[in-house]
Protein backbone atom coordinates (compact mmCIF):
# COMPACT_ATOMS: atom_id res chain seq x y z
CA MET A 1 8.87 -29.84 -2.49
CA ALA A 2 6.28 -27.77 -4.41
CA GLU A 3 3.69 -28.67 -1.79
CA LYS A 4 5.85 -27.15 0.94
CA ALA A 5 6.08 -23.93 -1.03
CA GLU A 6 2.31 -23.80 -1.35
CA THR A 7 1.70 -24.25 2.37
CA SER A 8 4.15 -21.77 3.86
CA SER A 9 3.42 -20.84 7.45
CA GLN A 10 2.80 -17.16 6.79
CA SER A 11 2.95 -15.05 3.66
CA PRO A 12 4.36 -11.51 3.64
CA ALA A 13 0.85 -10.21 2.93
CA GLU A 14 -0.45 -11.84 6.12
CA SER A 15 2.39 -10.27 8.12
CA VAL A 16 1.66 -6.84 6.67
CA GLY A 17 -2.06 -7.28 7.40
CA LEU A 18 -1.32 -8.28 10.98
CA LEU A 19 0.99 -5.29 11.45
CA GLU A 20 -1.63 -2.93 10.01
CA ALA A 21 -4.29 -4.43 12.27
CA ALA A 22 -2.00 -3.94 15.28
CA VAL A 23 -1.47 -0.27 14.45
CA ILE A 24 -5.20 0.32 13.99
CA LEU A 25 -6.02 -1.51 17.23
CA PHE A 26 -3.40 0.53 19.09
CA ILE A 27 -4.99 3.75 17.85
CA VAL A 28 -8.53 2.53 18.61
CA PHE A 29 -7.84 1.11 22.08
CA GLY A 30 -5.13 3.56 23.07
CA SER A 31 -2.91 1.05 24.89
CA LEU A 32 -0.49 -1.69 23.91
CA VAL A 33 -2.01 -4.21 26.31
CA ALA A 34 -5.53 -3.72 24.96
CA MET A 35 -4.18 -3.83 21.40
CA GLY A 36 -2.35 -7.09 22.00
CA LEU A 37 -5.25 -9.06 23.47
CA PRO A 38 -7.27 -9.46 20.25
CA ILE A 39 -4.14 -10.44 18.34
CA VAL A 40 -2.87 -12.92 20.94
CA THR A 41 -6.21 -14.63 21.49
CA ALA A 42 -7.38 -14.95 17.90
CA PRO A 43 -6.21 -18.21 16.33
CA GLY A 44 -4.84 -18.23 12.84
CA HIS A 45 -1.41 -16.65 13.00
CA TYR A 46 0.41 -19.49 14.70
CA GLY A 47 1.88 -20.97 11.54
CA ARG A 48 1.33 -24.71 11.19
CA SER A 49 -1.34 -24.87 13.91
CA ARG A 50 -3.84 -22.85 11.92
CA PRO A 51 -7.30 -24.41 12.10
CA ASP A 52 -8.05 -24.01 8.39
CA GLU A 53 -5.06 -26.11 7.32
CA GLY A 54 -6.63 -29.26 8.77
CA ALA A 55 -9.56 -28.96 6.37
CA GLY A 56 -7.51 -30.65 3.66
CA HIS A 57 -8.11 -33.92 5.49
CA LEU A 58 -11.89 -33.47 5.20
CA VAL A 59 -12.22 -32.16 1.68
CA PRO A 60 -9.61 -31.03 -0.85
CA ALA A 61 -8.99 -27.32 -0.34
CA PRO A 62 -7.26 -25.00 -2.80
CA ASN A 63 -3.71 -23.91 -2.00
CA PHE A 64 -4.92 -20.35 -1.35
CA ALA A 65 -7.40 -21.47 1.34
CA PRO A 66 -4.96 -20.73 4.22
CA THR A 67 -4.37 -17.20 2.93
CA PHE A 68 -8.10 -16.67 2.45
CA GLY A 69 -8.69 -18.06 5.94
CA ALA A 70 -6.09 -15.66 7.33
CA MET A 71 -7.87 -12.72 5.71
CA ILE A 72 -11.16 -13.81 7.22
CA TRP A 73 -9.44 -14.39 10.57
CA LEU A 74 -8.06 -10.85 10.53
CA GLY A 75 -11.52 -9.49 9.86
CA VAL A 76 -13.66 -11.52 12.20
CA GLY A 77 -11.19 -12.53 14.90
CA ILE A 78 -9.98 -9.07 15.67
CA ASP A 79 -13.45 -7.60 15.35
CA TYR A 80 -14.99 -10.14 17.74
CA ALA A 81 -12.24 -9.54 20.27
CA ARG A 82 -12.67 -5.79 19.81
CA PHE A 83 -16.33 -6.11 20.86
CA LEU A 84 -15.34 -7.80 24.09
CA VAL A 85 -12.37 -5.57 24.93
CA THR A 86 -14.43 -2.43 24.32
CA ARG A 87 -17.24 -3.66 26.60
CA TYR A 88 -14.67 -4.66 29.22
CA LYS A 89 -13.01 -1.24 29.15
CA ASP A 90 -16.45 0.42 29.35
CA GLY A 91 -17.23 -1.68 32.42
CA LEU A 92 -13.97 -0.66 34.08
CA GLY A 93 -14.71 2.96 33.18
CA ASP A 94 -18.13 2.64 34.85
CA GLY A 95 -16.41 1.58 38.07
CA ASP A 96 -16.87 -2.20 37.82
CA ASP A 97 -14.19 -4.49 39.19
CA PRO A 98 -12.37 -6.62 36.56
CA GLU A 99 -14.50 -9.70 37.25
CA SER A 100 -17.80 -7.82 36.87
CA ALA A 101 -16.51 -6.03 33.78
CA THR A 102 -15.54 -9.39 32.25
CA VAL A 103 -18.95 -10.91 32.96
CA LYS A 104 -20.69 -7.84 31.54
CA ALA A 105 -18.53 -8.04 28.39
CA ILE A 106 -19.33 -11.72 27.89
CA VAL A 107 -23.06 -11.26 28.46
CA THR A 108 -23.41 -8.29 26.13
CA ALA A 109 -20.76 -8.67 23.43
CA GLY A 110 -20.48 -12.46 23.69
CA HIS A 111 -23.96 -12.94 22.26
CA ALA A 112 -23.16 -10.57 19.40
CA VAL A 113 -19.98 -12.54 18.63
CA LEU A 114 -21.80 -15.87 18.55
CA PHE A 115 -24.57 -14.49 16.37
CA ALA A 116 -22.15 -12.78 13.96
CA GLY A 117 -19.92 -15.85 13.75
CA THR A 118 -22.85 -18.15 13.05
CA THR A 119 -24.01 -15.80 10.31
CA VAL A 120 -20.56 -15.82 8.69
CA VAL A 121 -20.37 -19.63 8.82
CA ILE A 122 -23.82 -19.96 7.23
CA ALA A 123 -22.85 -17.49 4.52
CA LEU A 124 -19.63 -19.38 3.80
CA MET A 125 -21.50 -22.68 3.65
CA GLY A 126 -23.59 -21.09 0.92
CA LEU A 127 -20.58 -21.81 -1.30
CA LEU A 128 -21.49 -25.51 -1.06
CA VAL A 129 -24.52 -24.82 -3.24
CA MET A 130 -22.20 -24.15 -6.17
CA GLY A 131 -21.32 -27.84 -6.23
CA GLN A 132 -17.68 -27.23 -7.12
CA LEU A 133 -15.08 -29.14 -5.14
CA LEU A 134 -12.77 -26.11 -5.06
CA MET A 135 -15.43 -23.91 -3.48
CA THR A 136 -16.49 -26.67 -1.08
CA GLY A 137 -12.92 -26.93 0.21
CA LEU A 138 -12.66 -23.17 0.55
CA ALA A 139 -15.98 -22.99 2.43
CA VAL A 140 -15.04 -25.77 4.84
CA ALA A 141 -11.53 -24.43 5.51
CA THR A 142 -12.70 -20.89 6.10
CA SER A 143 -15.69 -21.97 8.19
CA ILE A 144 -13.37 -23.91 10.50
CA THR A 145 -11.31 -20.75 11.00
CA VAL A 146 -14.42 -18.72 11.82
CA LEU A 147 -15.75 -21.38 14.21
CA VAL A 148 -12.49 -21.60 16.14
CA THR A 149 -12.24 -17.80 16.27
CA MET A 150 -15.88 -17.51 17.35
CA ILE A 151 -15.27 -19.94 20.21
CA ALA A 152 -11.96 -18.35 21.28
CA ALA A 153 -13.34 -14.81 21.54
CA PRO A 154 -15.87 -15.37 24.37
CA THR A 155 -13.81 -18.07 26.14
CA LEU A 156 -10.07 -17.41 25.84
CA LEU A 157 -10.22 -13.62 25.69
CA PRO A 158 -12.15 -13.22 28.98
CA ALA A 159 -9.46 -15.29 30.68
CA PHE A 160 -6.84 -12.83 29.45
CA LEU A 161 -9.04 -9.89 30.45
CA GLY A 162 -9.37 -11.27 33.97
CA PHE A 163 -5.64 -11.92 34.14
CA ASN A 164 -4.81 -8.36 33.06
CA GLY A 165 -7.43 -6.56 35.16
CA HIS A 166 -6.79 -2.82 35.23
CA ARG A 167 -3.45 -3.29 33.44
CA ILE A 168 -5.42 -3.24 30.18
CA LYS A 169 -4.86 0.51 30.30
CA SER A 170 -1.08 0.06 30.54
CA LEU A 171 1.31 1.55 28.00
CA ARG A 172 -1.26 4.10 26.89
CA LEU A 173 -1.23 6.24 23.79
CA PRO A 174 -1.04 9.88 24.87
CA ARG A 175 -4.39 11.57 24.27
CA ARG A 176 -5.78 14.92 25.22
CA ALA A 177 -8.88 13.80 27.09
CA SER A 178 -11.21 10.88 26.74
CA ARG A 179 -14.76 11.38 25.49
CA ARG A 180 -16.12 10.39 28.87
CA ASN A 181 -13.97 12.98 30.69
CA ARG A 182 -14.87 15.72 28.20
CA SER A 183 -18.59 15.07 28.50
CA ALA A 184 -18.40 14.90 32.32
CA GLY A 185 -16.42 18.15 32.57
CA ALA A 186 -18.29 20.06 29.87
CA PRO A 187 -20.20 23.09 31.05
CA SER A 188 -23.96 22.77 30.78
């Protein structure tokens, strides 16, 4: 019974963090569709299917490992997806069709995501040097979350981008004028 309490599917802090991330992404991207893509494609908020919870079968992980993994997921998962969505929207703004914009996003931001994710995993594995079982479990659990997120960003997200096409601009936040429009219409 106590074990069930320790492994709840989502804590209130995770829900608040996800809500805050959604608000920030809505402001940054300016549309609900673009805001939703990083949240929908990043693994980690699907309750019992979280990738870091399976680490307990490999090495004993502390009971706070899922919460720690969720914090890391919020940071890296949304950021990696943000790279790709931003490059995709830039491609559409440059006149590319959705397929070309998706390819351009994968080629440019995809490499950055893989490099950044690998760096995070290596840094987390540095906890193994401490030689403490608690830190080993935390490193393995969190590294699994980062690996799954790193793989989902350049594979699953482009599928959603291609599916949405130009609808990524749907349900827009009202703004005065975009930076691109202001610079194009500015007197010289």
